[in-house]
Amino acid sequence: MHSVATFRELQQDPSVRPDWNETGSLRIALTKDRAEEFSKLESVCEKAGLEAGLISLDEAKRTLSPFLISFYDGCARVRNDKLKNVLGVTLRYPDYRAGLQALRDDGFAAAPEV
């Protein structure tokens, strides 16, 4: 992620100090297909030199608060039907698999360490 590397560098410059705080993200797989998708995404992250990891539901329940478990249990994947059908947006790739394949076809390689 070039933007992450740029902000890491800027954060070290006392004359700039963008007051940027690096954070992570959490994604919840509610179906077997989503779990497989996240497993593939983890592999892509590793190839790009990005930190990523998967945890089981049992581990999540041990480490996350009951509030967060309840919150994420209610999360749902958003469909893009209206984006395409009502607004007339044409997506470059029909799904994430096609997007990942395009990256591979274009010779996707990990960004150099900064």
N, C-alpha and C. Protein backbone atom coordinates (compact mmCIF):
# COMPACT_ATOMS: atom_id res chain seq x y z
N MET A 1 0.84 -1.17 0.00
CA MET A 1 0.00 0.00 0.00
C MET A 1 0.89 1.24 0.00
N HIS A 2 0.95 1.89 -1.13
CA HIS A 2 1.82 3.06 -1.25
C HIS A 2 1.37 4.19 -0.33
N SER A 3 0.06 4.36 -0.16
CA SER A 3 -0.42 5.44 0.70
C SER A 3 0.00 5.21 2.15
N VAL A 4 -0.04 3.96 2.60
CA VAL A 4 0.37 3.66 3.97
C VAL A 4 1.86 3.98 4.15
N ALA A 5 2.67 3.56 3.20
CA ALA A 5 4.11 3.83 3.28
C ALA A 5 4.38 5.34 3.28
N THR A 6 3.64 6.07 2.46
CA THR A 6 3.82 7.53 2.39
C THR A 6 3.48 8.18 3.72
N PHE A 7 2.36 7.80 4.31
CA PHE A 7 1.97 8.39 5.60
C PHE A 7 2.92 7.97 6.72
N ARG A 8 3.45 6.76 6.67
CA ARG A 8 4.44 6.34 7.67
C ARG A 8 5.66 7.26 7.59
N GLU A 9 6.07 7.55 6.37
CA GLU A 9 7.24 8.42 6.18
C GLU A 9 6.93 9.85 6.62
N LEU A 10 5.77 10.37 6.25
CA LEU A 10 5.40 11.73 6.64
C LEU A 10 5.27 11.87 8.16
N GLN A 11 4.79 10.82 8.80
CA GLN A 11 4.61 10.87 10.26
C GLN A 11 5.96 11.05 10.96
N GLN A 12 7.04 10.61 10.33
CA GLN A 12 8.36 10.73 10.93
C GLN A 12 8.99 12.11 10.73
N ASP A 13 8.44 12.91 9.83
CA ASP A 13 8.97 14.24 9.53
C ASP A 13 8.33 15.26 10.47
N PRO A 14 9.13 15.84 11.40
CA PRO A 14 8.57 16.78 12.37
C PRO A 14 7.94 18.03 11.74
N SER A 15 8.34 18.38 10.53
CA SER A 15 7.76 19.57 9.90
C SER A 15 6.41 19.29 9.26
N VAL A 16 6.05 18.02 9.10
CA VAL A 16 4.79 17.68 8.45
C VAL A 16 3.79 17.15 9.47
N ARG A 17 4.10 16.06 10.11
CA ARG A 17 3.26 15.42 11.12
C ARG A 17 1.77 15.45 10.76
N PRO A 18 1.33 14.58 9.86
CA PRO A 18 -0.08 14.60 9.45
C PRO A 18 -1.05 14.11 10.52
N ASP A 19 -0.53 13.72 11.67
CA ASP A 19 -1.36 13.21 12.76
C ASP A 19 -2.22 12.05 12.28
N TRP A 20 -1.56 11.14 11.58
CA TRP A 20 -2.20 9.97 11.00
C TRP A 20 -1.91 8.78 11.89
N ASN A 21 -2.93 8.00 12.17
CA ASN A 21 -2.76 6.79 12.97
C ASN A 21 -3.13 5.58 12.15
N GLU A 22 -2.18 4.69 12.00
CA GLU A 22 -2.42 3.47 11.23
C GLU A 22 -3.32 2.54 12.03
N THR A 23 -4.33 2.01 11.36
CA THR A 23 -5.25 1.07 12.01
C THR A 23 -5.45 -0.13 11.11
N GLY A 24 -6.11 -1.12 11.62
CA GLY A 24 -6.41 -2.32 10.85
C GLY A 24 -7.88 -2.39 10.52
N SER A 25 -8.32 -3.55 10.13
CA SER A 25 -9.74 -3.73 9.86
C SER A 25 -10.14 -5.14 10.27
N LEU A 26 -11.42 -5.33 10.38
CA LEU A 26 -11.97 -6.62 10.75
C LEU A 26 -13.06 -6.96 9.77
N ARG A 27 -12.98 -8.14 9.21
CA ARG A 27 -14.01 -8.62 8.30
C ARG A 27 -14.57 -9.92 8.85
N ILE A 28 -15.86 -10.07 8.74
CA ILE A 28 -16.53 -11.23 9.31
C ILE A 28 -17.05 -12.12 8.17
N ALA A 29 -16.69 -13.39 8.20
CA ALA A 29 -17.20 -14.34 7.21
C ALA A 29 -18.41 -15.04 7.80
N LEU A 30 -19.58 -14.77 7.26
CA LEU A 30 -20.80 -15.38 7.76
C LEU A 30 -21.18 -16.62 6.95
N THR A 31 -20.49 -16.85 5.85
CA THR A 31 -20.77 -18.02 5.03
C THR A 31 -19.45 -18.71 4.66
N LYS A 32 -19.56 -19.94 4.21
CA LYS A 32 -18.37 -20.68 3.77
C LYS A 32 -17.71 -19.97 2.58
N ASP A 33 -18.52 -19.45 1.65
CA ASP A 33 -17.96 -18.73 0.50
C ASP A 33 -17.15 -17.51 0.94
N ARG A 34 -17.68 -16.77 1.91
CA ARG A 34 -16.94 -15.59 2.40
C ARG A 34 -15.65 -16.01 3.09
N ALA A 35 -15.68 -17.12 3.83
CA ALA A 35 -14.47 -17.61 4.48
C ALA A 35 -13.41 -17.96 3.44
N GLU A 36 -13.84 -18.60 2.35
CA GLU A 36 -12.90 -18.93 1.27
C GLU A 36 -12.37 -17.66 0.61
N GLU A 37 -13.25 -16.67 0.43
CA GLU A 37 -12.84 -15.39 -0.15
C GLU A 37 -11.78 -14.73 0.73
N PHE A 38 -11.99 -14.72 2.04
CA PHE A 38 -11.04 -14.09 2.95
C PHE A 38 -9.72 -14.85 2.99
N SER A 39 -9.78 -16.16 2.84
CA SER A 39 -8.55 -16.95 2.79
C SER A 39 -7.72 -16.56 1.56
N LYS A 40 -8.40 -16.36 0.43
CA LYS A 40 -7.70 -15.92 -0.79
C LYS A 40 -7.17 -14.50 -0.61
N LEU A 41 -7.95 -13.64 0.02
CA LEU A 41 -7.53 -12.27 0.27
C LEU A 41 -6.30 -12.25 1.18
N GLU A 42 -6.26 -13.13 2.16
CA GLU A 42 -5.09 -13.22 3.04
C GLU A 42 -3.85 -13.57 2.23
N SER A 43 -4.00 -14.47 1.27
CA SER A 43 -2.88 -14.86 0.41
C SER A 43 -2.39 -13.68 -0.44
N VAL A 44 -3.33 -12.90 -0.98
CA VAL A 44 -2.97 -11.72 -1.77
C VAL A 44 -2.22 -10.71 -0.89
N CYS A 45 -2.70 -10.52 0.34
CA CYS A 45 -2.05 -9.59 1.26
C CYS A 45 -0.61 -10.03 1.54
N GLU A 46 -0.42 -11.31 1.79
CA GLU A 46 0.92 -11.83 2.05
C GLU A 46 1.84 -11.56 0.88
N LYS A 47 1.36 -11.79 -0.35
CA LYS A 47 2.16 -11.55 -1.55
C LYS A 47 2.51 -10.07 -1.70
N ALA A 48 1.63 -9.21 -1.21
CA ALA A 48 1.86 -7.76 -1.30
C ALA A 48 2.66 -7.23 -0.12
N GLY A 49 3.03 -8.12 0.80
CA GLY A 49 3.80 -7.69 1.96
C GLY A 49 2.96 -7.02 3.02
N LEU A 50 1.65 -7.27 3.02
CA LEU A 50 0.75 -6.68 4.01
C LEU A 50 0.42 -7.70 5.08
N GLU A 51 0.31 -7.24 6.30
CA GLU A 51 -0.03 -8.13 7.40
C GLU A 51 -1.52 -8.44 7.36
N ALA A 52 -1.84 -9.72 7.44
CA ALA A 52 -3.25 -10.15 7.48
C ALA A 52 -3.31 -11.47 8.22
N GLY A 53 -4.44 -11.75 8.81
CA GLY A 53 -4.59 -13.01 9.50
C GLY A 53 -6.05 -13.38 9.66
N LEU A 54 -6.28 -14.66 9.80
CA LEU A 54 -7.63 -15.18 10.00
C LEU A 54 -7.73 -15.75 11.41
N ILE A 55 -8.87 -15.54 12.04
CA ILE A 55 -9.11 -16.16 13.34
C ILE A 55 -10.44 -16.89 13.29
N SER A 56 -10.57 -17.91 14.11
CA SER A 56 -11.81 -18.68 14.16
C SER A 56 -12.87 -17.93 14.95
N LEU A 57 -14.11 -18.37 14.81
CA LEU A 57 -15.19 -17.78 15.58
C LEU A 57 -14.95 -17.96 17.07
N ASP A 58 -14.46 -19.14 17.46
CA ASP A 58 -14.17 -19.38 18.88
C ASP A 58 -13.12 -18.39 19.41
N GLU A 59 -12.07 -18.15 18.60
CA GLU A 59 -11.05 -17.19 19.03
C GLU A 59 -11.61 -15.78 19.10
N ALA A 60 -12.46 -15.42 18.14
CA ALA A 60 -13.08 -14.10 18.16
C ALA A 60 -13.92 -13.93 19.43
N LYS A 61 -14.67 -14.96 19.79
CA LYS A 61 -15.50 -14.88 20.99
C LYS A 61 -14.66 -14.78 22.26
N ARG A 62 -13.45 -15.36 22.24
CA ARG A 62 -12.56 -15.25 23.40
C ARG A 62 -11.88 -13.89 23.49
N THR A 63 -11.64 -13.25 22.35
CA THR A 63 -10.84 -12.02 22.35
C THR A 63 -11.64 -10.73 22.17
N LEU A 64 -12.81 -10.81 21.56
CA LEU A 64 -13.63 -9.61 21.35
C LEU A 64 -14.68 -9.49 22.44
N SER A 65 -15.12 -8.28 22.67
CA SER A 65 -16.15 -8.06 23.69
C SER A 65 -17.49 -8.59 23.21
N PRO A 66 -18.38 -8.93 24.15
CA PRO A 66 -19.73 -9.37 23.75
C PRO A 66 -20.44 -8.33 22.89
N PHE A 67 -20.19 -7.05 23.15
CA PHE A 67 -20.80 -5.99 22.34
C PHE A 67 -20.35 -6.11 20.88
N LEU A 68 -19.03 -6.27 20.65
CA LEU A 68 -18.54 -6.37 19.28
C LEU A 68 -19.06 -7.63 18.60
N ILE A 69 -19.09 -8.73 19.32
CA ILE A 69 -19.62 -9.96 18.74
C ILE A 69 -21.07 -9.74 18.31
N SER A 70 -21.85 -9.09 19.15
CA SER A 70 -23.25 -8.81 18.83
C SER A 70 -23.35 -7.87 17.63
N PHE A 71 -22.52 -6.84 17.61
CA PHE A 71 -22.53 -5.87 16.51
C PHE A 71 -22.21 -6.55 15.19
N TYR A 72 -21.11 -7.30 15.14
CA TYR A 72 -20.69 -7.94 13.90
C TYR A 72 -21.62 -9.07 13.49
N ASP A 73 -22.30 -9.67 14.43
CA ASP A 73 -23.27 -10.72 14.11
C ASP A 73 -24.41 -10.15 13.27
N GLY A 74 -24.69 -8.86 13.43
CA GLY A 74 -25.76 -8.22 12.68
C GLY A 74 -25.31 -7.62 11.36
N CYS A 75 -24.03 -7.69 11.05
CA CYS A 75 -23.52 -7.12 9.79
C CYS A 75 -23.91 -7.99 8.61
N ALA A 76 -24.12 -7.36 7.50
CA ALA A 76 -24.48 -8.10 6.29
C ALA A 76 -23.66 -7.59 5.11
N ARG A 77 -23.48 -8.44 4.15
CA ARG A 77 -22.78 -8.05 2.92
C ARG A 77 -23.73 -7.21 2.08
N VAL A 78 -23.22 -6.13 1.53
CA VAL A 78 -24.05 -5.21 0.75
C VAL A 78 -24.04 -5.64 -0.71
N ARG A 79 -25.21 -5.67 -1.29
CA ARG A 79 -25.32 -6.01 -2.71
C ARG A 79 -25.15 -4.74 -3.54
N ASN A 80 -24.75 -4.92 -4.79
CA ASN A 80 -24.55 -3.75 -5.66
C ASN A 80 -25.58 -3.68 -6.79
N ASP A 81 -26.69 -4.39 -6.65
CA ASP A 81 -27.72 -4.40 -7.70
C ASP A 81 -28.21 -2.99 -8.05
N LYS A 82 -28.53 -2.19 -7.03
CA LYS A 82 -29.06 -0.85 -7.30
C LYS A 82 -28.00 0.05 -7.92
N LEU A 83 -26.77 -0.11 -7.46
CA LEU A 83 -25.67 0.66 -8.03
C LEU A 83 -25.62 0.44 -9.54
N LYS A 84 -25.76 -0.81 -9.94
CA LYS A 84 -25.69 -1.15 -11.37
C LYS A 84 -27.00 -0.87 -12.09
N ASN A 85 -28.11 -1.31 -11.54
CA ASN A 85 -29.38 -1.25 -12.25
C ASN A 85 -30.07 0.10 -12.20
N VAL A 86 -30.02 0.78 -11.06
CA VAL A 86 -30.71 2.06 -10.92
C VAL A 86 -29.82 3.22 -11.36
N LEU A 87 -28.57 3.19 -10.92
CA LEU A 87 -27.66 4.29 -11.26
C LEU A 87 -26.93 4.07 -12.57
N GLY A 88 -27.01 2.86 -13.09
CA GLY A 88 -26.38 2.57 -14.38
C GLY A 88 -24.87 2.46 -14.34
N VAL A 89 -24.31 2.16 -13.17
CA VAL A 89 -22.86 2.02 -13.04
C VAL A 89 -22.43 0.69 -13.65
N THR A 90 -21.38 0.72 -14.44
CA THR A 90 -20.80 -0.50 -14.99
C THR A 90 -19.51 -0.77 -14.24
N LEU A 91 -19.47 -1.89 -13.54
CA LEU A 91 -18.28 -2.25 -12.78
C LEU A 91 -17.22 -2.83 -13.72
N ARG A 92 -15.99 -2.54 -13.44
CA ARG A 92 -14.90 -3.04 -14.28
C ARG A 92 -14.83 -4.56 -14.24
N TYR A 93 -15.06 -5.14 -13.07
CA TYR A 93 -15.00 -6.59 -12.91
C TYR A 93 -16.31 -7.06 -12.27
N PRO A 94 -16.83 -8.19 -12.71
CA PRO A 94 -18.12 -8.64 -12.19
C PRO A 94 -18.07 -9.09 -10.73
N ASP A 95 -16.90 -9.50 -10.26
CA ASP A 95 -16.75 -9.93 -8.87
C ASP A 95 -15.28 -9.83 -8.47
N TYR A 96 -15.01 -10.06 -7.20
CA TYR A 96 -13.64 -9.92 -6.71
C TYR A 96 -12.70 -10.92 -7.37
N ARG A 97 -13.22 -12.11 -7.73
CA ARG A 97 -12.37 -13.13 -8.36
C ARG A 97 -11.81 -12.62 -9.69
N ALA A 98 -12.65 -11.99 -10.47
CA ALA A 98 -12.21 -11.45 -11.76
C ALA A 98 -11.21 -10.32 -11.54
N GLY A 99 -11.42 -9.50 -10.51
CA GLY A 99 -10.46 -8.43 -10.20
C GLY A 99 -9.11 -8.98 -9.80
N LEU A 100 -9.11 -10.02 -8.97
CA LEU A 100 -7.84 -10.65 -8.57
C LEU A 100 -7.14 -11.28 -9.77
N GLN A 101 -7.92 -11.90 -10.65
CA GLN A 101 -7.32 -12.51 -11.84
C GLN A 101 -6.69 -11.44 -12.72
N ALA A 102 -7.35 -10.30 -12.84
CA ALA A 102 -6.79 -9.20 -13.64
C ALA A 102 -5.46 -8.73 -13.04
N LEU A 103 -5.39 -8.68 -11.71
CA LEU A 103 -4.12 -8.32 -11.07
C LEU A 103 -3.03 -9.31 -11.43
N ARG A 104 -3.36 -10.60 -11.36
CA ARG A 104 -2.37 -11.62 -11.71
C ARG A 104 -1.97 -11.50 -13.17
N ASP A 105 -2.95 -11.30 -14.04
CA ASP A 105 -2.68 -11.18 -15.48
C ASP A 105 -1.78 -9.98 -15.78
N ASP A 106 -1.90 -8.93 -14.97
CA ASP A 106 -1.09 -7.72 -15.17
C ASP A 106 0.27 -7.83 -14.50
N GLY A 107 0.58 -9.01 -13.94
CA GLY A 107 1.89 -9.20 -13.32
C GLY A 107 1.98 -8.59 -11.94
N PHE A 108 0.89 -8.61 -11.18
CA PHE A 108 0.88 -8.05 -9.84
C PHE A 108 2.05 -8.57 -9.03
N ALA A 109 2.77 -7.67 -8.40
CA ALA A 109 3.88 -8.04 -7.53
C ALA A 109 3.83 -7.16 -6.29
N ALA A 110 4.40 -7.65 -5.23
CA ALA A 110 4.42 -6.90 -3.98
C ALA A 110 5.17 -5.59 -4.15
N ALA A 111 4.69 -4.55 -3.50
CA ALA A 111 5.36 -3.25 -3.51
C ALA A 111 6.64 -3.34 -2.70
N PRO A 112 7.69 -2.63 -3.10
CA PRO A 112 8.93 -2.66 -2.32
C PRO A 112 8.75 -2.03 -0.95
N GLU A 113 9.49 -2.51 0.02
CA GLU A 113 9.45 -1.94 1.37
C GLU A 113 9.98 -0.52 1.33
N VAL A 114 9.37 0.35 2.10
CA VAL A 114 9.82 1.75 2.17
C VAL A 114 10.41 1.99 3.53
